[in-house]
C-alpha atoms as a PDB file:
ATOM      1  CA  UNK A   1       0.123  -0.159   0.101  1.00  0.00           C
ATOM      2  CA  UNK A   2       1.199   3.494  -0.728  1.00  0.00           C
ATOM      3  CA  UNK A   3      -0.773   6.491   0.834  1.00  0.00           C
ATOM      4  CA  UNK A   4       2.296   9.014   1.458  1.00  0.00           C
ATOM      5  CA  UNK A   5       0.739  12.014  -0.407  1.00  0.00           C
ATOM      6  CA  UNK A   6      -2.417  12.302  -3.061  1.00  0.00           C
ATOM      7  CA  UNK A   7      -1.920   9.122  -4.585  1.00  0.00           C
ATOM      8  CA  UNK A   8      -3.929   5.768  -3.181  1.00  0.00           C
ATOM      9  CA  UNK A   9      -2.449   2.706  -4.641  1.00  0.00           C
ATOM     10  CA  UNK A  10      -2.232  -0.937  -4.106  1.00  0.00           C
ATOM     11  CA  UNK A  11      -0.186  -3.466  -5.961  1.00  0.00           C
ATOM     12  CA  UNK A  12       1.059  -7.170  -6.161  1.00  0.00           C
ATOM     13  CA  UNK A  13       4.357  -8.222  -7.172  1.00  0.00           C
ATOM     14  CA  UNK A  14       6.235 -11.666  -6.966  1.00  0.00           C
ATOM     15  CA  UNK A  15       9.586 -12.669  -8.482  1.00  0.00           C
ATOM     16  CA  UNK A  16       8.236 -12.189 -12.109  1.00  0.00           C
ATOM     17  CA  UNK A  17       7.451  -8.184 -11.283  1.00  0.00           C
ATOM     18  CA  UNK A  18       4.077  -6.744 -11.277  1.00  0.00           C
ATOM     19  CA  UNK A  19       1.065  -8.819 -11.174  1.00  0.00           C
ATOM     20  CA  UNK A  20      -1.378  -6.244 -10.154  1.00  0.00           C
ATOM     21  CA  UNK A  21      -1.252  -2.414  -9.776  1.00  0.00           C
ATOM     22  CA  UNK A  22      -3.929   0.167  -9.366  1.00  0.00           C
ATOM     23  CA  UNK A  23      -3.370   3.993  -8.787  1.00  0.00           C
ATOM     24  CA  UNK A  24      -6.225   6.484  -7.805  1.00  0.00           C
ATOM     25  CA  UNK A  25      -4.595   9.978  -8.213  1.00  0.00           C
ATOM     26  CA  UNK A  26      -6.575  12.811  -6.222  1.00  0.00           C
ATOM     27  CA  UNK A  27      -8.071  15.403  -8.167  1.00  0.00           C
ATOM     28  CA  UNK A  28      -9.596  17.384  -5.226  1.00  0.00           C
ATOM     29  CA  UNK A  29      -6.251  19.233  -4.731  1.00  0.00           C
ATOM     30  CA  UNK A  30      -6.381  21.076  -7.999  1.00  0.00           C
ATOM     31  CA  UNK A  31      -8.472  24.026  -7.013  1.00  0.00           C
ATOM     32  CA  UNK A  32      -5.919  24.797  -4.091  1.00  0.00           C
ATOM     33  CA  UNK A  33      -3.015  24.694  -6.243  1.00  0.00           C
ATOM     34  CA  UNK A  34      -1.275  21.991  -3.684  1.00  0.00           C
ATOM     35  CA  UNK A  35      -2.078  19.111  -1.651  1.00  0.00           C
ATOM     36  CA  UNK A  36      -4.579  19.685   1.342  1.00  0.00           C
ATOM     37  CA  UNK A  37      -3.491  16.974   3.860  1.00  0.00           C
ATOM     38  CA  UNK A  38      -6.970  16.687   5.575  1.00  0.00           C
ATOM     39  CA  UNK A  39      -8.583  16.142   2.043  1.00  0.00           C
ATOM     40  CA  UNK A  40      -5.414  13.467   1.005  1.00  0.00           C
ATOM     41  CA  UNK A  41      -6.230  11.557   4.307  1.00  0.00           C
ATOM     42  CA  UNK A  42     -10.344  11.374   3.583  1.00  0.00           C
ATOM     43  CA  UNK A  43      -9.582  10.326   0.353  1.00  0.00           C
ATOM     44  CA  UNK A  44      -7.418   7.623   0.931  1.00  0.00           C
ATOM     45  CA  UNK A  45     -10.210   6.293   3.351  1.00  0.00           C
ATOM     46  CA  UNK A  46     -12.517   6.238   0.485  1.00  0.00           C
ATOM     47  CA  UNK A  47     -10.246   4.838  -2.287  1.00  0.00           C
ATOM     48  CA  UNK A  48      -8.022   2.191  -0.391  1.00  0.00           C
ATOM     49  CA  UNK A  49     -10.378  -0.646  -0.177  1.00  0.00           C
ATOM     50  CA  UNK A  50     -11.327  -0.531  -3.795  1.00  0.00           C
ATOM     51  CA  UNK A  51      -7.475  -0.195  -4.868  1.00  0.00           C
ATOM     52  CA  UNK A  52      -6.603  -3.350  -2.969  1.00  0.00           C
ATOM     53  CA  UNK A  53      -9.537  -5.150  -4.742  1.00  0.00           C
ATOM     54  CA  UNK A  54      -8.821  -3.922  -7.880  1.00  0.00           C
ATOM     55  CA  UNK A  55      -4.798  -4.816  -7.667  1.00  0.00           C
ATOM     56  CA  UNK A  56      -5.472  -8.300  -6.511  1.00  0.00           C
ATOM     57  CA  UNK A  57      -8.291  -9.001  -9.201  1.00  0.00           C
ATOM     58  CA  UNK A  58      -5.548  -7.869 -11.795  1.00  0.00           C
ATOM     59  CA  UNK A  59      -3.156 -10.140 -10.158  1.00  0.00           C
ATOM     60  CA  UNK A  60      -5.573 -13.118 -10.303  1.00  0.00           C
ATOM     61  CA  UNK A  61      -4.735 -13.797  -6.743  1.00  0.00           C
ATOM     62  CA  UNK A  62      -6.681 -14.394  -3.333  1.00  0.00           C
ATOM     63  CA  UNK A  63      -5.886 -13.379   0.311  1.00  0.00           C
ATOM     64  CA  UNK A  64      -4.846 -17.004   0.776  1.00  0.00           C
ATOM     65  CA  UNK A  65      -1.817 -16.613  -1.663  1.00  0.00           C
ATOM     66  CA  UNK A  66      -0.441 -13.373  -0.171  1.00  0.00           C
ATOM     67  CA  UNK A  67       2.842 -13.946   1.759  1.00  0.00           C
ATOM     68  CA  UNK A  68       3.306 -10.590   3.243  1.00  0.00           C
ATOM     69  CA  UNK A  69       2.716  -7.069   3.420  1.00  0.00           C
ATOM     70  CA  UNK A  70       4.400  -3.969   2.651  1.00  0.00           C
ATOM     71  CA  UNK A  71       3.118  -0.230   3.209  1.00  0.00           C
ATOM     72  CA  UNK A  72       4.662   3.111   3.094  1.00  0.00           C
ATOM     73  CA  UNK A  73       5.586   4.178   6.704  1.00  0.00           C
ATOM     74  CA  UNK A  74       7.094   7.453   5.931  1.00  0.00           C
ATOM     75  CA  UNK A  75       8.023  10.186   4.926  1.00  0.00           C
ATOM     76  CA  UNK A  76       4.885  12.100   3.953  1.00  0.00           C
ATOM     77  CA  UNK A  77       1.704  13.486   5.114  1.00  0.00           C
ATOM     78  CA  UNK A  78       1.305  11.766   8.615  1.00  0.00           C
ATOM     79  CA  UNK A  79      -2.750  11.852   8.278  1.00  0.00           C
ATOM     80  CA  UNK A  80      -2.289  10.199   4.915  1.00  0.00           C
ATOM     81  CA  UNK A  81       0.202   7.705   5.882  1.00  0.00           C
ATOM     82  CA  UNK A  82      -1.945   6.520   8.921  1.00  0.00           C
ATOM     83  CA  UNK A  83      -4.558   5.565   6.658  1.00  0.00           C
ATOM     84  CA  UNK A  84      -2.232   3.145   4.740  1.00  0.00           C
ATOM     85  CA  UNK A  85      -0.203   1.853   7.914  1.00  0.00           C
ATOM     86  CA  UNK A  86      -3.478   1.066  10.028  1.00  0.00           C
ATOM     87  CA  UNK A  87      -4.906  -0.817   7.026  1.00  0.00           C
ATOM     88  CA  UNK A  88      -1.730  -2.651   6.518  1.00  0.00           C
ATOM     89  CA  UNK A  89      -1.481  -3.587  10.238  1.00  0.00           C
ATOM     90  CA  UNK A  90      -5.224  -4.721  10.624  1.00  0.00           C
ATOM     91  CA  UNK A  91      -4.705  -6.778   7.274  1.00  0.00           C
ATOM     92  CA  UNK A  92      -1.607  -8.547   8.314  1.00  0.00           C
ATOM     93  CA  UNK A  93      -2.640  -9.208  11.784  1.00  0.00           C
ATOM     94  CA  UNK A  94      -6.246 -10.792  10.547  1.00  0.00           C
ATOM     95  CA  UNK A  95      -4.245 -12.840   8.076  1.00  0.00           C
ATOM     96  CA  UNK A  96      -1.190 -13.733  10.352  1.00  0.00           C
ATOM     97  CA  UNK A  97       1.154 -12.288   7.676  1.00  0.00           C
ATOM     98  CA  UNK A  98       4.505 -10.705   8.284  1.00  0.00           C
ATOM     99  CA  UNK A  99       4.418  -6.650   7.865  1.00  0.00           C
ATOM    100  CA  UNK A 100       7.143  -4.211   6.795  1.00  0.00           C
ATOM    101  CA  UNK A 101       7.176  -0.200   6.623  1.00  0.00           C
ATOM    102  CA  UNK A 102       9.012   0.766   3.562  1.00  0.00           C
ATOM    103  CA  UNK A 103      10.444   3.994   3.278  1.00  0.00           C
ATOM    104  CA  UNK A 104       8.966   5.997   0.554  1.00  0.00           C
ATOM    105  CA  UNK A 105      12.259   7.132  -1.100  1.00  0.00           C
ATOM    106  CA  UNK A 106      14.073   3.527  -1.010  1.00  0.00           C
ATOM    107  CA  UNK A 107      10.664   2.504  -2.857  1.00  0.00           C
ATOM    108  CA  UNK A 108      11.587   4.735  -5.978  1.00  0.00           C
ATOM    109  CA  UNK A 109      14.827   2.896  -6.299  1.00  0.00           C
ATOM    110  CA  UNK A 110      13.063  -0.044  -6.459  1.00  0.00           C
ATOM    111  CA  UNK A 111      10.449   1.247  -8.922  1.00  0.00           C
ATOM    112  CA  UNK A 112      12.904   1.682 -11.750  1.00  0.00           C
ATOM    113  CA  UNK A 113      14.354  -1.557 -11.115  1.00  0.00           C
ATOM    114  CA  UNK A 114      10.866  -3.215 -11.611  1.00  0.00           C
ATOM    115  CA  UNK A 115      11.130  -2.192 -15.166  1.00  0.00           C
ATOM    116  CA  UNK A 116      14.743  -2.592 -16.204  1.00  0.00           C
ATOM    117  CA  UNK A 117      16.588  -5.543 -15.196  1.00  0.00           C
ATOM    118  CA  UNK A 118      20.063  -3.953 -15.205  1.00  0.00           C
ATOM    119  CA  UNK A 119      18.983  -1.005 -12.684  1.00  0.00           C
ATOM    120  CA  UNK A 120      20.478  -2.857  -9.849  1.00  0.00           C
ATOM    121  CA  UNK A 121      23.433  -1.991  -7.751  1.00  0.00           C
ATOM    122  CA  UNK A 122      26.110  -0.520  -7.803  1.00  0.00           C
ATOM    123  CA  UNK A 123      24.744   2.573  -9.146  1.00  0.00           C
ATOM    124  CA  UNK A 124      23.955   6.232  -8.331  1.00  0.00           C
ATOM    125  CA  UNK A 125      20.674   7.136  -7.429  1.00  0.00           C
ATOM    126  CA  UNK A 126      19.123  10.586  -8.224  1.00  0.00           C
ATOM    127  CA  UNK A 127      16.025  10.835  -6.521  1.00  0.00           C
ATOM    128  CA  UNK A 128      13.799  13.932  -7.365  1.00  0.00           C
ATOM    129  CA  UNK A 129      10.292  14.294  -5.950  1.00  0.00           C
ATOM    130  CA  UNK A 130       7.884  16.587  -4.500  1.00  0.00           C
ATOM    131  CA  UNK A 131       9.334  16.351  -1.314  1.00  0.00           C
ATOM    132  CA  UNK A 132      12.855  15.070  -1.651  1.00  0.00           C
ATOM    133  CA  UNK A 133      15.668  15.528  -3.627  1.00  0.00           C
ATOM    134  CA  UNK A 134      18.619  12.857  -2.871  1.00  0.00           C
ATOM    135  CA  UNK A 135      21.876  11.883  -4.710  1.00  0.00           C
ATOM    136  CA  UNK A 136      23.263   8.733  -3.406  1.00  0.00           C
ATOM    137  CA  UNK A 137      25.571   5.534  -4.073  1.00  0.00           C
ATOM    138  CA  UNK A 138      23.869   2.166  -4.050  1.00  0.00           C
ATOM    139  CA  UNK A 139      26.278  -0.134  -3.536  1.00  0.00           C
ATOM    140  CA  UNK A 140      23.769  -3.198  -2.529  1.00  0.00           C
ATOM    141  CA  UNK A 141      20.186  -3.018  -1.994  1.00  0.00           C
ATOM    142  CA  UNK A 142      19.902  -1.977   1.458  1.00  0.00           C
ATOM    143  CA  UNK A 143      23.309  -0.195   1.585  1.00  0.00           C
ATOM    144  CA  UNK A 144      23.509   3.341   0.731  1.00  0.00           C
ATOM    145  CA  UNK A 145      25.800   6.373   0.926  1.00  0.00           C
ATOM    146  CA  UNK A 146      24.152   9.679   0.919  1.00  0.00           C
ATOM    147  CA  UNK A 147      26.005  12.095  -1.238  1.00  0.00           C
ATOM    148  CA  UNK A 148      23.970  15.522  -1.286  1.00  0.00           C
ATOM    149  CA  UNK A 149      20.682  16.332  -0.977  1.00  0.00           C
ATOM    150  CA  UNK A 150      18.674  19.520  -1.371  1.00  0.00           C
ATOM    151  CA  UNK A 151      19.121  22.151   1.577  1.00  0.00           C
ATOM    152  CA  UNK A 152      15.640  23.786   1.319  1.00  0.00           C
ATOM    153  CA  UNK A 153      12.701  22.957  -1.634  1.00  0.00           C
ATOM    154  CA  UNK A 154      12.698  19.860  -3.386  1.00  0.00           C
ATOM    155  CA  UNK A 155      12.967  19.843  -7.084  1.00  0.00           C
ATOM    156  CA  UNK A 156       9.385  18.968  -7.519  1.00  0.00           C
ATOM    157  CA  UNK A 157       8.117  21.543  -4.929  1.00  0.00           C
ATOM    158  CA  UNK A 158       9.877  24.105  -6.900  1.00  0.00           C
ATOM    159  CA  UNK A 159       8.380  23.088 -10.252  1.00  0.00           C
ATOM    160  CA  UNK A 160       4.904  23.286  -8.600  1.00  0.00           C
ATOM    161  CA  UNK A 161       5.471  26.758  -6.748  1.00  0.00           C
ATOM    162  CA  UNK A 162       6.889  27.963  -9.923  1.00  0.00           C
ATOM    163  CA  UNK A 163       4.051  26.659 -12.135  1.00  0.00           C
ATOM    164  CA  UNK A 164       1.402  28.172  -9.736  1.00  0.00           C
ATOM    165  CA  UNK A 165       3.388  31.763  -9.673  1.00  0.00           C
ATOM    166  CA  UNK A 166       3.054  31.398 -13.710  1.00  0.00           C
ATOM    167  CA  UNK A 167      -0.647  30.576 -13.762  1.00  0.00           C
ATOM    168  CA  UNK A 168      -0.244  27.062 -14.845  1.00  0.00           C
ATOM    169  CA  UNK A 169      -2.314  24.213 -13.232  1.00  0.00           C
ATOM    170  CA  UNK A 170      -1.252  21.714 -10.298  1.00  0.00           C
ATOM    171  CA  UNK A 171       0.836  19.423 -10.354  1.00  0.00           C
ATOM    172  CA  UNK A 172       3.520  21.716 -11.811  1.00  0.00           C
ATOM    173  CA  UNK A 173       5.957  19.453 -13.361  1.00  0.00           C
ATOM    174  CA  UNK A 174       4.231  18.260 -16.591  1.00  0.00           C
ATOM    175  CA  UNK A 175       2.764  21.975 -17.227  1.00  0.00           C
ATOM    176  CA  UNK A 176       6.176  23.372 -16.727  1.00  0.00           C
ATOM    177  CA  UNK A 177       7.494  21.103 -19.234  1.00  0.00           C
ATOM    178  CA  UNK A 178       4.914  21.590 -21.968  1.00  0.00           C
ATOM    179  CA  UNK A 179       5.198  25.532 -21.375  1.00  0.00           C
ATOM    180  CA  UNK A 180       8.847  25.097 -21.915  1.00  0.00           C
ATOM    181  CA  UNK A 181       8.639  23.677 -25.275  1.00  0.00           C
ATOM    182  CA  UNK A 182       9.466  26.191 -27.655  1.00  0.00           C
ATOM    183  CA  UNK A 183      10.525  28.776 -24.901  1.00  0.00           C
ATOM    184  CA  UNK A 184      13.918  30.716 -24.787  1.00  0.00           C
ATOM    185  CA  UNK A 185      15.496  29.309 -22.199  1.00  0.00           C
ATOM    186  CA  UNK A 186      18.306  32.041 -22.296  1.00  0.00           C
ATOM    187  CA  UNK A 187      15.885  34.826 -22.090  1.00  0.00           C
ATOM    188  CA  UNK A 188      15.872  35.354 -18.566  1.00  0.00           C
ATOM    189  CA  UNK A 189      19.213  35.436 -16.405  1.00  0.00           C
ATOM    190  CA  UNK A 190      18.350  32.598 -13.739  1.00  0.00           C
ATOM    191  CA  UNK A 191      20.997  31.616 -11.175  1.00  0.00           C
ATOM    192  CA  UNK A 192      22.319  28.053 -10.957  1.00  0.00           C
ATOM    193  CA  UNK A 193      22.478  27.626  -7.154  1.00  0.00           C
ATOM    194  CA  UNK A 194      25.637  25.971  -5.558  1.00  0.00           C
ATOM    195  CA  UNK A 195      27.460  25.515  -8.744  1.00  0.00           C
ATOM    196  CA  UNK A 196      30.260  28.172  -8.269  1.00  0.00           C
ATOM    197  CA  UNK A 197      32.332  29.741  -5.551  1.00  0.00           C
ATOM    198  CA  UNK A 198      33.197  27.635  -2.799  1.00  0.00           C
ATOM    199  CA  UNK A 199      31.485  24.697  -4.388  1.00  0.00           C
ATOM    200  CA  UNK A 200      34.431  22.244  -5.011  1.00  0.00           C
ATOM    201  CA  UNK A 201      35.656  18.785  -4.154  1.00  0.00           C
ATOM    202  CA  UNK A 202      35.972  18.388  -0.204  1.00  0.00           C
ATOM    203  CA  UNK A 203      33.280  21.276  -0.012  1.00  0.00           C
ATOM    204  CA  UNK A 204      29.879  20.066   2.001  1.00  0.00           C
ATOM    205  CA  UNK A 205      27.980  21.948  -0.731  1.00  0.00           C
ATOM    206  CA  UNK A 206      29.672  19.816  -3.931  1.00  0.00           C
ATOM    207  CA  UNK A 207      26.952  17.490  -4.095  1.00  0.00           C
ATOM    208  CA  UNK A 208      24.124  19.448  -2.215  1.00  0.00           C
ATOM    209  CA  UNK A 209      21.479  21.367  -4.164  1.00  0.00           C
ATOM    210  CA  UNK A 210      19.277  24.446  -3.567  1.00  0.00           C
ATOM    211  CA  UNK A 211      16.327  25.260  -5.363  1.00  0.00           C
ATOM    212  CA  UNK A 212      14.495  28.094  -3.340  1.00  0.00           C
ATOM    213  CA  UNK A 213      16.529  31.015  -4.511  1.00  0.00           C
ATOM    214  CA  UNK A 214      15.925  29.847  -7.866  1.00  0.00           C
ATOM    215  CA  UNK A 215      12.241  29.749  -7.166  1.00  0.00           C
ATOM    216  CA  UNK A 216      12.377  33.109  -5.834  1.00  0.00           C
ATOM    217  CA  UNK A 217      13.975  34.631  -8.852  1.00  0.00           C
ATOM    218  CA  UNK A 218      11.431  33.274 -11.307  1.00  0.00           C
ATOM    219  CA  UNK A 219       8.835  35.068  -8.736  1.00  0.00           C
ATOM    220  CA  UNK A 220      10.609  38.039  -9.208  1.00  0.00           C
ATOM    221  CA  UNK A 221      10.991  38.326 -12.949  1.00  0.00           C
ATOM    222  CA  UNK A 222       7.425  37.196 -13.146  1.00  0.00           C
ATOM    223  CA  UNK A 223       6.209  40.184 -10.941  1.00  0.00           C
ATOM    224  CA  UNK A 224       8.440  42.683 -13.216  1.00  0.00           C
ATOM    225  CA  UNK A 225       6.444  41.285 -16.169  1.00  0.00           C
ATOM    226  CA  UNK A 226       3.213  41.177 -14.329  1.00  0.00           C
ATOM    227  CA  UNK A 227       1.143  43.682 -16.694  1.00  0.00           C
ATOM    228  CA  UNK A 228       2.593  41.829 -19.772  1.00  0.00           C
ATOM    229  CA  UNK A 229       2.902  38.312 -18.684  1.00  0.00           C
ATOM    230  CA  UNK A 230       1.637  36.740 -22.071  1.00  0.00           C
ATOM    231  CA  UNK A 231       1.869  33.293 -23.313  1.00  0.00           C
ATOM    232  CA  UNK A 232       5.451  33.945 -24.988  1.00  0.00           C
ATOM    233  CA  UNK A 233       6.604  35.079 -21.516  1.00  0.00           C
ATOM    234  CA  UNK A 234       5.326  32.217 -19.747  1.00  0.00           C
ATOM    235  CA  UNK A 235       7.024  29.848 -22.070  1.00  0.00           C
ATOM    236  CA  UNK A 236      10.488  31.618 -21.823  1.00  0.00           C
ATOM    237  CA  UNK A 237      10.235  31.722 -18.010  1.00  0.00           C
ATOM    238  CA  UNK A 238       9.307  28.207 -17.812  1.00  0.00           C
ATOM    239  CA  UNK A 239      11.855  27.095 -20.174  1.00  0.00           C
ATOM    240  CA  UNK A 240      14.491  29.118 -18.414  1.00  0.00           C
ATOM    241  CA  UNK A 241      13.399  27.566 -14.826  1.00  0.00           C
ATOM    242  CA  UNK A 242      13.367  24.002 -16.348  1.00  0.00           C
ATOM    243  CA  UNK A 243      16.827  24.670 -17.520  1.00  0.00           C
ATOM    244  CA  UNK A 244      18.475  25.513 -14.653  1.00  0.00           C
ATOM    245  CA  UNK A 245      17.016  22.811 -12.443  1.00  0.00           C
ATOM    246  CA  UNK A 246      18.163  20.357 -14.916  1.00  0.00           C
ATOM    247  CA  UNK A 247      21.633  22.316 -15.144  1.00  0.00           C
ATOM    248  CA  UNK A 248      21.857  21.607 -11.025  1.00  0.00           C
ATOM    249  CA  UNK A 249      20.694  18.168 -11.087  1.00  0.00           C
ATOM    250  CA  UNK A 250      22.761  17.102 -14.092  1.00  0.00           C
ATOM    251  CA  UNK A 251      26.070  18.893 -12.761  1.00  0.00           C
ATOM    252  CA  UNK A 252      25.440  17.451  -9.419  1.00  0.00           C
ATOM    253  CA  UNK A 253      24.838  13.793 -10.650  1.00  0.00           C
ATOM    254  CA  UNK A 254      27.948  13.778 -12.877  1.00  0.00           C
ATOM    255  CA  UNK A 255      30.254  14.954  -9.824  1.00  0.00           C
ATOM    256  CA  UNK A 256      29.118  11.950  -8.212  1.00  0.00           C
ATOM    257  CA  UNK A 257      29.756   9.672 -11.151  1.00  0.00           C
ATOM    258  CA  UNK A 258      33.329  11.029 -11.419  1.00  0.00           C
ATOM    259  CA  UNK A 259      33.907  10.530  -7.913  1.00  0.00           C
ATOM    260  CA  UNK A 260      32.787   7.160  -7.701  1.00  0.00           C
ATOM    261  CA  UNK A 261      33.554   5.721 -11.066  1.00  0.00           C
ATOM    262  CA  UNK A 262      30.042   4.316 -11.271  1.00  0.00           C
ATOM    263  CA  UNK A 263      28.617   5.332 -14.684  1.00  0.00           C
ATOM    264  CA  UNK A 264      25.378   3.809 -14.079  1.00  0.00           C
ATOM    265  CA  UNK A 265      22.705   6.165 -12.856  1.00  0.00           C
ATOM    266  CA  UNK A 266      19.231   5.368 -11.683  1.00  0.00           C
ATOM    267  CA  UNK A 267      16.496   8.031 -11.548  1.00  0.00           C
ATOM    268  CA  UNK A 268      13.417   7.789  -9.611  1.00  0.00           C
ATOM    269  CA  UNK A 269      10.585  10.115  -8.348  1.00  0.00           C
ATOM    270  CA  UNK A 270       8.072  12.461 -10.213  1.00  0.00           C
ATOM    271  CA  UNK A 271      10.633  14.852 -11.481  1.00  0.00           C
ATOM    272  CA  UNK A 272      12.222  11.726 -13.375  1.00  0.00           C
ATOM    273  CA  UNK A 273       9.423  12.091 -15.995  1.00  0.00           C
ATOM    274  CA  UNK A 274      11.109  15.120 -17.106  1.00  0.00           C
ATOM    275  CA  UNK A 275      12.424  14.562 -20.699  1.00  0.00           C
ATOM    276  CA  UNK A 276      14.899  17.435 -20.525  1.00  0.00           C
ATOM    277  CA  UNK A 277      16.529  15.896 -17.431  1.00  0.00           C
ATOM    278  CA  UNK A 278      16.831  12.404 -19.108  1.00  0.00           C
ATOM    279  CA  UNK A 279      18.012  13.857 -22.509  1.00  0.00           C
ATOM    280  CA  UNK A 280      20.827  16.098 -20.578  1.00  0.00           C
ATOM    281  CA  UNK A 281      21.879  13.140 -18.428  1.00  0.00           C
ATOM    282  CA  UNK A 282      22.134  10.725 -21.313  1.00  0.00           C
ATOM    283  CA  UNK A 283      24.073  13.047 -23.028  1.00  0.00           C
ATOM    284  CA  UNK A 284      26.638  13.995 -20.235  1.00  0.00           C
ATOM    285  CA  UNK A 285      26.887   9.985 -19.611  1.00  0.00           C
ATOM    286  CA  UNK A 286      27.943   9.472 -23.308  1.00  0.00           C
ATOM    287  CA  UNK A 287      28.058   6.210 -24.781  1.00  0.00           C
ATOM    288  CA  UNK A 288      30.130   4.742 -21.608  1.00  0.00           C
ATOM    289  CA  UNK A 289      27.184   5.518 -19.298  1.00  0.00           C
ATOM    290  CA  UNK A 290      24.158   3.781 -18.584  1.00  0.00           C
ATOM    291  CA  UNK A 291      20.879   5.821 -17.556  1.00  0.00           C
ATOM    292  CA  UNK A 292      17.873   4.190 -16.272  1.00  0.00           C
ATOM    293  CA  UNK A 293      14.540   6.134 -15.685  1.00  0.00           C
ATOM    294  CA  UNK A 294      11.014   4.911 -14.743  1.00  0.00           C
ATOM    295  CA  UNK A 295       8.219   5.113 -16.787  1.00  0.00           C
ATOM    296  CA  UNK A 296       5.413   7.729 -16.007  1.00  0.00           C
ATOM    297  CA  UNK A 297       3.289   5.279 -14.057  1.00  0.00           C
ATOM    298  CA  UNK A 298       6.107   4.169 -11.925  1.00  0.00           C
ATOM    299  CA  UNK A 299       7.945   7.525 -11.683  1.00  0.00           C
ATOM    300  CA  UNK A 300       5.034   8.888  -9.432  1.00  0.00           C
ATOM    301  CA  UNK A 301       3.721   7.403  -6.270  1.00  0.00           C
ATOM    302  CA  UNK A 302       2.807   4.072  -6.725  1.00  0.00           C
ATOM    303  CA  UNK A 303       2.382   0.940  -4.674  1.00  0.00           C
ATOM    304  CA  UNK A 304       4.339  -1.517  -6.834  1.00  0.00           C
ATOM    305  CA  UNK A 305       7.733   0.172  -5.989  1.00  0.00           C
ATOM    306  CA  UNK A 306       6.743  -0.293  -2.108  1.00  0.00           C
ATOM    307  CA  UNK A 307       5.991  -3.938  -2.620  1.00  0.00           C
ATOM    308  CA  UNK A 308       8.966  -4.631  -4.462  1.00  0.00           C
ATOM    309  CA  UNK A 309      11.153  -3.176  -1.671  1.00  0.00           C
ATOM    310  CA  UNK A 310       9.253  -4.879   0.908  1.00  0.00           C
ATOM    311  CA  UNK A 311       9.489  -8.239  -0.828  1.00  0.00           C
ATOM    312  CA  UNK A 312      13.522  -7.791  -0.989  1.00  0.00           C
ATOM    313  CA  UNK A 313      13.467  -7.108   2.645  1.00  0.00           C
ATOM    314  CA  UNK A 314      10.882  -9.790   3.574  1.00  0.00           C
ATOM    315  CA  UNK A 315      13.276 -12.234   2.155  1.00  0.00           C
ATOM    316  CA  UNK A 316      16.121 -10.774   3.792  1.00  0.00           C
ATOM    317  CA  UNK A 317      14.386 -12.127   7.207  1.00  0.00           C
ATOM    318  CA  UNK A 318      13.052  -8.260   8.099  1.00  0.00           C
ATOM    319  CA  UNK A 319      10.029  -7.643   9.666  1.00  0.00           C
ATOM    320  CA  UNK A 320       8.425  -4.592  11.331  1.00  0.00           C
ATOM    321  CA  UNK A 321       7.005  -4.345  14.867  1.00  0.00           C
ATOM    322  CA  UNK A 322       3.270  -4.588  15.458  1.00  0.00           C
ATOM    323  CA  UNK A 323       3.905  -0.750  16.979  1.00  0.00           C
ATOM    324  CA  UNK A 324       4.597   0.399  13.280  1.00  0.00           C
ATOM    325  CA  UNK A 325       3.532   3.777  12.876  1.00  0.00           C
ATOM    326  CA  UNK A 326       3.552   6.702  10.429  1.00  0.00           C
ATOM    327  CA  UNK A 327       6.917   8.486  10.969  1.00  0.00           C
ATOM    328  CA  UNK A 328       7.766  11.448   9.007  1.00  0.00           C
ATOM    329  CA  UNK A 329      11.336  10.727  10.302  1.00  0.00           C
ATOM    330  CA  UNK A 330      11.452   7.281   9.196  1.00  0.00           C
ATOM    331  CA  UNK A 331      15.367   6.237   8.825  1.00  0.00           C
ATOM    332  CA  UNK A 332      16.204   5.365   5.250  1.00  0.00           C
ATOM    333  CA  UNK A 333      17.503   1.870   5.820  1.00  0.00           C
ATOM    334  CA  UNK A 334      20.853   1.381   5.010  1.00  0.00           C
ATOM    335  CA  UNK A 335      21.722   5.269   4.343  1.00  0.00           C
ATOM    336  CA  UNK A 336      24.860   6.383   5.793  1.00  0.00           C
END
């Protein structure tokens, strides 16, 4: 089960891959320009039973064939997480099944591996979602070294807020990408945060990222053009913003590749859908590198990635205690 934000999802996986997957995306938040936690939790309560039934029917399995239960335990919206965690605990207890809480971001790594057999450690992982931006080295499943992360806004959050400022719908990522097509990315001088100055090998900021200042720069330029924020200006600002974000993400990822000598890169998270990011990374890696990105269905939040991570950990004998709770500070297992 996956209920960390505004997608309600259930899935069944086995050694062959995804047997059944159901995802209900919540439309109720569009009017507010962002996710409303209370609405998200209530929508999960309404949809989760149906998503489980649909996933099991698609998989062609019944309750007696289920070997274990995995659920997103964090990070995410606590009220939304509680819906999935309590459902999973009740189901596992009633069926006498092992239970495992899964870290949402580790799930994104497994999501890409579900579609690409070669997307397995060792690799450099770039996880870019609405709530997190992480750059890590995966030495093996369950053994990760954190190299860098955002110091403020996540990349996906910046996309959403910039889109709202430009009058584009929520969620912002797909609409920014669409508006950027044909736009002049060099029309507005937008910053590339943390790529210059003291940013050198050995400095703590060498792999870290920041998007808050970039977001503010776009807002200021939009304000200057307020009286004439025509479609071409929106397109140019969207293109410039997207290019700036991609420049930072690509440069930081290539720094990790050069430091570790590992030229295999795995993308995960909603921003992994961005075609410009995938294009630029593939170009910089060149023929000697490998890039693995999830399909749109597995880039956004889904239960298949959670089930895959849980299946791996259950196979290694891991279990979660019955005191499992929704914890926004849940430790990323194996991350150092």
